[in-house]
Amino acid sequence: MRRPYVDIPPEHLPAIEDLPGKDLQPVARAIERVLPGLGVRVVMILAQEFPGLPLYMHNVDDLINEYFYRCMREEYDRGGTTAKELAMKYGFQLRHTEKILASSGKQPSLADSRQLKLFG
Protein backbone atom coordinates (compact mmCIF):
# COMPACT_ATOMS: atom_id res chain seq x y z
CA MET A 1 0.00 0.00 0.00
CA ARG A 2 1.29 3.41 -0.95
CA ARG A 3 1.88 6.10 1.62
CA PRO A 4 -0.53 9.07 1.30
CA TYR A 5 0.84 12.27 -0.18
CA VAL A 6 2.92 14.27 2.31
CA ASP A 7 2.59 18.05 1.89
CA ILE A 8 5.91 19.33 3.21
CA PRO A 9 5.70 22.96 4.38
CA PRO A 10 7.68 25.36 2.15
CA GLU A 11 10.24 26.12 4.86
CA HIS A 12 11.14 22.40 5.00
CA LEU A 13 11.34 21.70 1.27
CA PRO A 14 14.80 20.77 -0.01
CA ALA A 15 16.78 23.03 -2.31
CA ILE A 16 16.72 22.10 -5.99
CA GLU A 17 20.33 20.91 -5.69
CA ASP A 18 19.29 18.49 -2.93
CA LEU A 19 16.68 16.67 -5.04
CA PRO A 20 17.75 13.05 -5.71
CA GLY A 21 18.64 11.69 -9.12
CA LYS A 22 19.51 13.45 -12.35
CA ASP A 23 15.99 13.96 -13.67
CA LEU A 24 14.24 15.84 -10.86
CA GLN A 25 16.55 18.86 -10.72
CA PRO A 26 16.10 19.95 -14.38
CA VAL A 27 12.33 19.51 -14.08
CA ALA A 28 12.26 21.64 -10.93
CA ARG A 29 14.40 24.33 -12.62
CA ALA A 30 12.11 24.38 -15.66
CA ILE A 31 9.05 24.79 -13.44
CA GLU A 32 10.83 27.54 -11.49
CA ARG A 33 11.38 29.52 -14.71
CA VAL A 34 7.65 29.59 -15.40
CA LEU A 35 6.23 29.38 -11.87
CA PRO A 36 8.80 30.92 -9.50
CA GLY A 37 8.78 29.35 -6.06
CA LEU A 38 6.91 26.21 -7.14
CA GLY A 39 9.57 24.05 -8.82
CA VAL A 40 10.53 21.87 -5.86
CA ARG A 41 6.94 21.69 -4.62
CA VAL A 42 5.58 20.44 -7.96
CA VAL A 43 8.46 17.96 -8.36
CA MET A 44 7.76 16.62 -4.87
CA ILE A 45 4.12 16.06 -5.85
CA LEU A 46 5.12 14.27 -9.07
CA ALA A 47 7.76 12.16 -7.34
CA GLN A 48 5.27 11.05 -4.69
CA GLU A 49 2.52 10.40 -7.22
CA PHE A 50 4.76 8.41 -9.60
CA PRO A 51 7.57 7.01 -7.43
CA GLY A 52 10.37 5.26 -9.27
CA LEU A 53 8.92 5.73 -12.75
CA PRO A 54 11.33 6.85 -15.45
CA LEU A 55 10.65 10.38 -16.65
CA TYR A 56 9.66 10.79 -20.30
CA MET A 57 8.04 13.97 -21.57
CA HIS A 58 6.12 13.73 -24.82
CA ASN A 59 6.44 16.58 -27.29
CA VAL A 60 3.41 18.89 -27.08
CA ASP A 61 4.18 21.05 -30.13
CA ASP A 62 1.06 19.82 -31.95
CA LEU A 63 -1.16 20.89 -29.04
CA ILE A 64 0.54 24.28 -28.84
CA ASN A 65 0.16 24.77 -32.59
CA GLU A 66 -3.55 23.94 -32.40
CA TYR A 67 -3.90 26.62 -29.73
CA PHE A 68 -1.98 29.13 -31.87
CA TYR A 69 -4.14 28.29 -34.90
CA ARG A 70 -7.32 29.02 -32.91
CA CYS A 71 -5.87 32.28 -31.58
CA MET A 72 -4.76 33.37 -35.05
CA ARG A 73 -8.16 32.55 -36.53
CA GLU A 74 -9.98 34.48 -33.78
CA GLU A 75 -7.70 37.52 -34.10
CA TYR A 76 -8.03 37.54 -37.88
CA ASP A 77 -11.83 37.17 -37.74
CA ARG A 78 -12.09 40.14 -35.36
CA GLY A 79 -10.35 42.25 -38.00
CA GLY A 80 -7.58 44.80 -37.89
CA THR A 81 -4.79 42.20 -38.09
CA THR A 82 -3.02 41.04 -41.21
CA ALA A 83 -1.72 37.56 -41.95
CA LYS A 84 1.81 38.95 -41.94
CA GLU A 85 1.36 40.40 -38.44
CA LEU A 86 -0.04 37.10 -37.17
CA ALA A 87 2.80 35.13 -38.77
CA MET A 88 5.35 37.31 -37.00
CA LYS A 89 3.49 37.22 -33.69
CA TYR A 90 3.11 33.42 -33.59
CA GLY A 91 6.39 32.51 -35.31
CA PHE A 92 5.02 30.86 -38.44
CA GLN A 93 5.96 31.46 -42.05
CA LEU A 94 3.57 33.73 -43.93
CA ARG A 95 2.50 30.99 -46.35
CA HIS A 96 1.64 28.62 -43.48
CA THR A 97 -0.32 31.38 -41.76
CA GLU A 98 -2.22 32.10 -44.97
CA LYS A 99 -3.14 28.40 -45.25
CA ILE A 100 -4.44 28.42 -41.68
CA LEU A 101 -6.50 31.54 -42.31
CA ALA A 102 -7.79 30.23 -45.67
CA SER A 103 -9.10 27.05 -44.07
CA SER A 104 -12.73 26.71 -43.08
CA GLY A 105 -11.85 28.11 -39.67
CA LYS A 106 -11.76 24.73 -37.98
CA GLN A 107 -8.41 23.02 -37.89
CA PRO A 108 -8.57 19.22 -37.87
CA SER A 109 -8.03 17.81 -34.43
CA LEU A 110 -4.78 16.10 -33.60
CA ALA A 111 -6.46 12.70 -33.95
CA ASP A 112 -7.98 13.67 -37.32
CA SER A 113 -4.65 14.87 -38.70
CA ARG A 114 -2.96 11.62 -37.66
CA GLN A 115 -5.75 9.63 -39.26
CA LEU A 116 -5.38 11.60 -42.49
CA LYS A 117 -1.62 10.95 -42.52
CA LEU A 118 -2.31 7.24 -42.19
CA PHE A 119 -4.29 7.21 -45.44
CA GLY A 120 -2.64 10.14 -47.22
C-alpha atoms as a PDB file:
ATOM      1  CA  MET A   1       0.000   0.000   0.000  1.00  0.00           C
ATOM      2  CA  ARG A   2       1.293   3.405  -0.948  1.00  0.00           C
ATOM      3  CA  ARG A   3       1.880   6.104   1.624  1.00  0.00           C
ATOM      4  CA  PRO A   4      -0.527   9.069   1.298  1.00  0.00           C
ATOM      5  CA  TYR A   5       0.840  12.273  -0.176  1.00  0.00           C
ATOM      6  CA  VAL A   6       2.919  14.269   2.315  1.00  0.00           C
ATOM      7  CA  ASP A   7       2.595  18.046   1.894  1.00  0.00           C
ATOM      8  CA  ILE A   8       5.906  19.329   3.211  1.00  0.00           C
ATOM      9  CA  PRO A   9       5.703  22.962   4.383  1.00  0.00           C
ATOM     10  CA  PRO A  10       7.684  25.365   2.150  1.00  0.00           C
ATOM     11  CA  GLU A  11      10.236  26.121   4.855  1.00  0.00           C
ATOM     12  CA  HIS A  12      11.140  22.400   4.995  1.00  0.00           C
ATOM     13  CA  LEU A  13      11.335  21.704   1.268  1.00  0.00           C
ATOM     14  CA  PRO A  14      14.796  20.774  -0.013  1.00  0.00           C
ATOM     15  CA  ALA A  15      16.783  23.029  -2.315  1.00  0.00           C
ATOM     16  CA  ILE A  16      16.718  22.096  -5.990  1.00  0.00           C
ATOM     17  CA  GLU A  17      20.334  20.907  -5.686  1.00  0.00           C
ATOM     18  CA  ASP A  18      19.287  18.485  -2.935  1.00  0.00           C
ATOM     19  CA  LEU A  19      16.684  16.665  -5.044  1.00  0.00           C
ATOM     20  CA  PRO A  20      17.747  13.052  -5.710  1.00  0.00           C
ATOM     21  CA  GLY A  21      18.643  11.694  -9.122  1.00  0.00           C
ATOM     22  CA  LYS A  22      19.513  13.452 -12.351  1.00  0.00           C
ATOM     23  CA  ASP A  23      15.989  13.959 -13.671  1.00  0.00           C
ATOM     24  CA  LEU A  24      14.239  15.841 -10.861  1.00  0.00           C
ATOM     25  CA  GLN A  25      16.548  18.860 -10.725  1.00  0.00           C
ATOM     26  CA  PRO A  26      16.097  19.955 -14.381  1.00  0.00           C
ATOM     27  CA  VAL A  27      12.329  19.507 -14.075  1.00  0.00           C
ATOM     28  CA  ALA A  28      12.261  21.640 -10.928  1.00  0.00           C
ATOM     29  CA  ARG A  29      14.399  24.328 -12.615  1.00  0.00           C
ATOM     30  CA  ALA A  30      12.109  24.378 -15.661  1.00  0.00           C
ATOM     31  CA  ILE A  31       9.048  24.789 -13.442  1.00  0.00           C
ATOM     32  CA  GLU A  32      10.831  27.542 -11.493  1.00  0.00           C
ATOM     33  CA  ARG A  33      11.384  29.524 -14.709  1.00  0.00           C
ATOM     34  CA  VAL A  34       7.650  29.587 -15.396  1.00  0.00           C
ATOM     35  CA  LEU A  35       6.234  29.384 -11.871  1.00  0.00           C
ATOM     36  CA  PRO A  36       8.798  30.923  -9.501  1.00  0.00           C
ATOM     37  CA  GLY A  37       8.784  29.351  -6.063  1.00  0.00           C
ATOM     38  CA  LEU A  38       6.915  26.206  -7.141  1.00  0.00           C
ATOM     39  CA  GLY A  39       9.575  24.046  -8.821  1.00  0.00           C
ATOM     40  CA  VAL A  40      10.526  21.871  -5.864  1.00  0.00           C
ATOM     41  CA  ARG A  41       6.935  21.693  -4.621  1.00  0.00           C
ATOM     42  CA  VAL A  42       5.582  20.440  -7.963  1.00  0.00           C
ATOM     43  CA  VAL A  43       8.461  17.958  -8.360  1.00  0.00           C
ATOM     44  CA  MET A  44       7.763  16.617  -4.867  1.00  0.00           C
ATOM     45  CA  ILE A  45       4.124  16.057  -5.852  1.00  0.00           C
ATOM     46  CA  LEU A  46       5.120  14.273  -9.073  1.00  0.00           C
ATOM     47  CA  ALA A  47       7.761  12.157  -7.342  1.00  0.00           C
ATOM     48  CA  GLN A  48       5.274  11.046  -4.690  1.00  0.00           C
ATOM     49  CA  GLU A  49       2.516  10.402  -7.220  1.00  0.00           C
ATOM     50  CA  PHE A  50       4.756   8.412  -9.605  1.00  0.00           C
ATOM     51  CA  PRO A  51       7.565   7.007  -7.426  1.00  0.00           C
ATOM     52  CA  GLY A  52      10.368   5.262  -9.270  1.00  0.00           C
ATOM     53  CA  LEU A  53       8.923   5.734 -12.751  1.00  0.00           C
ATOM     54  CA  PRO A  54      11.325   6.854 -15.454  1.00  0.00           C
ATOM     55  CA  LEU A  55      10.652  10.378 -16.646  1.00  0.00           C
ATOM     56  CA  TYR A  56       9.663  10.792 -20.298  1.00  0.00           C
ATOM     57  CA  MET A  57       8.044  13.965 -21.566  1.00  0.00           C
ATOM     58  CA  HIS A  58       6.121  13.731 -24.816  1.00  0.00           C
ATOM     59  CA  ASN A  59       6.439  16.581 -27.287  1.00  0.00           C
ATOM     60  CA  VAL A  60       3.409  18.890 -27.076  1.00  0.00           C
ATOM     61  CA  ASP A  61       4.183  21.047 -30.129  1.00  0.00           C
ATOM     62  CA  ASP A  62       1.061  19.824 -31.952  1.00  0.00           C
ATOM     63  CA  LEU A  63      -1.159  20.888 -29.043  1.00  0.00           C
ATOM     64  CA  ILE A  64       0.543  24.282 -28.841  1.00  0.00           C
ATOM     65  CA  ASN A  65       0.163  24.771 -32.594  1.00  0.00           C
ATOM     66  CA  GLU A  66      -3.554  23.940 -32.400  1.00  0.00           C
ATOM     67  CA  TYR A  67      -3.902  26.621 -29.727  1.00  0.00           C
ATOM     68  CA  PHE A  68      -1.979  29.128 -31.869  1.00  0.00           C
ATOM     69  CA  TYR A  69      -4.142  28.288 -34.904  1.00  0.00           C
ATOM     70  CA  ARG A  70      -7.318  29.019 -32.907  1.00  0.00           C
ATOM     71  CA  CYS A  71      -5.868  32.276 -31.575  1.00  0.00           C
ATOM     72  CA  MET A  72      -4.758  33.373 -35.048  1.00  0.00           C
ATOM     73  CA  ARG A  73      -8.158  32.551 -36.535  1.00  0.00           C
ATOM     74  CA  GLU A  74      -9.979  34.477 -33.781  1.00  0.00           C
ATOM     75  CA  GLU A  75      -7.701  37.521 -34.101  1.00  0.00           C
ATOM     76  CA  TYR A  76      -8.027  37.537 -37.876  1.00  0.00           C
ATOM     77  CA  ASP A  77     -11.828  37.168 -37.741  1.00  0.00           C
ATOM     78  CA  ARG A  78     -12.090  40.136 -35.359  1.00  0.00           C
ATOM     79  CA  GLY A  79     -10.355  42.247 -37.997  1.00  0.00           C
ATOM     80  CA  GLY A  80      -7.585  44.796 -37.894  1.00  0.00           C
ATOM     81  CA  THR A  81      -4.791  42.203 -38.086  1.00  0.00           C
ATOM     82  CA  THR A  82      -3.018  41.043 -41.215  1.00  0.00           C
ATOM     83  CA  ALA A  83      -1.716  37.564 -41.953  1.00  0.00           C
ATOM     84  CA  LYS A  84       1.814  38.954 -41.941  1.00  0.00           C
ATOM     85  CA  GLU A  85       1.355  40.404 -38.441  1.00  0.00           C
ATOM     86  CA  LEU A  86      -0.041  37.096 -37.174  1.00  0.00           C
ATOM     87  CA  ALA A  87       2.800  35.127 -38.769  1.00  0.00           C
ATOM     88  CA  MET A  88       5.346  37.310 -37.000  1.00  0.00           C
ATOM     89  CA  LYS A  89       3.487  37.223 -33.691  1.00  0.00           C
ATOM     90  CA  TYR A  90       3.107  33.420 -33.593  1.00  0.00           C
ATOM     91  CA  GLY A  91       6.392  32.510 -35.306  1.00  0.00           C
ATOM     92  CA  PHE A  92       5.023  30.855 -38.437  1.00  0.00           C
ATOM     93  CA  GLN A  93       5.965  31.457 -42.052  1.00  0.00           C
ATOM     94  CA  LEU A  94       3.568  33.734 -43.925  1.00  0.00           C
ATOM     95  CA  ARG A  95       2.503  30.990 -46.350  1.00  0.00           C
ATOM     96  CA  HIS A  96       1.643  28.623 -43.478  1.00  0.00           C
ATOM     97  CA  THR A  97      -0.323  31.380 -41.758  1.00  0.00           C
ATOM     98  CA  GLU A  98      -2.216  32.102 -44.969  1.00  0.00           C
ATOM     99  CA  LYS A  99      -3.138  28.401 -45.254  1.00  0.00           C
ATOM    100  CA  ILE A 100      -4.439  28.416 -41.683  1.00  0.00           C
ATOM    101  CA  LEU A 101      -6.504  31.540 -42.311  1.00  0.00           C
ATOM    102  CA  ALA A 102      -7.789  30.233 -45.669  1.00  0.00           C
ATOM    103  CA  SER A 103      -9.097  27.050 -44.066  1.00  0.00           C
ATOM    104  CA  SER A 104     -12.726  26.709 -43.077  1.00  0.00           C
ATOM    105  CA  GLY A 105     -11.850  28.106 -39.667  1.00  0.00           C
ATOM    106  CA  LYS A 106     -11.758  24.725 -37.975  1.00  0.00           C
ATOM    107  CA  GLN A 107      -8.405  23.015 -37.890  1.00  0.00           C
ATOM    108  CA  PRO A 108      -8.566  19.223 -37.873  1.00  0.00           C
ATOM    109  CA  SER A 109      -8.032  17.812 -34.431  1.00  0.00           C
ATOM    110  CA  LEU A 110      -4.782  16.104 -33.605  1.00  0.00           C
ATOM    111  CA  ALA A 111      -6.459  12.696 -33.946  1.00  0.00           C
ATOM    112  CA  ASP A 112      -7.979  13.666 -37.324  1.00  0.00           C
ATOM    113  CA  SER A 113      -4.655  14.874 -38.702  1.00  0.00           C
ATOM    114  CA  ARG A 114      -2.959  11.622 -37.656  1.00  0.00           C
ATOM    115  CA  GLN A 115      -5.749   9.629 -39.264  1.00  0.00           C
ATOM    116  CA  LEU A 116      -5.381  11.595 -42.490  1.00  0.00           C
ATOM    117  CA  LYS A 117      -1.619  10.953 -42.515  1.00  0.00           C
ATOM    118  CA  LEU A 118      -2.310   7.240 -42.190  1.00  0.00           C
ATOM    119  CA  PHE A 119      -4.295   7.207 -45.440  1.00  0.00           C
ATOM    120  CA  GLY A 120      -2.637  10.143 -47.221  1.00  0.00           C
END
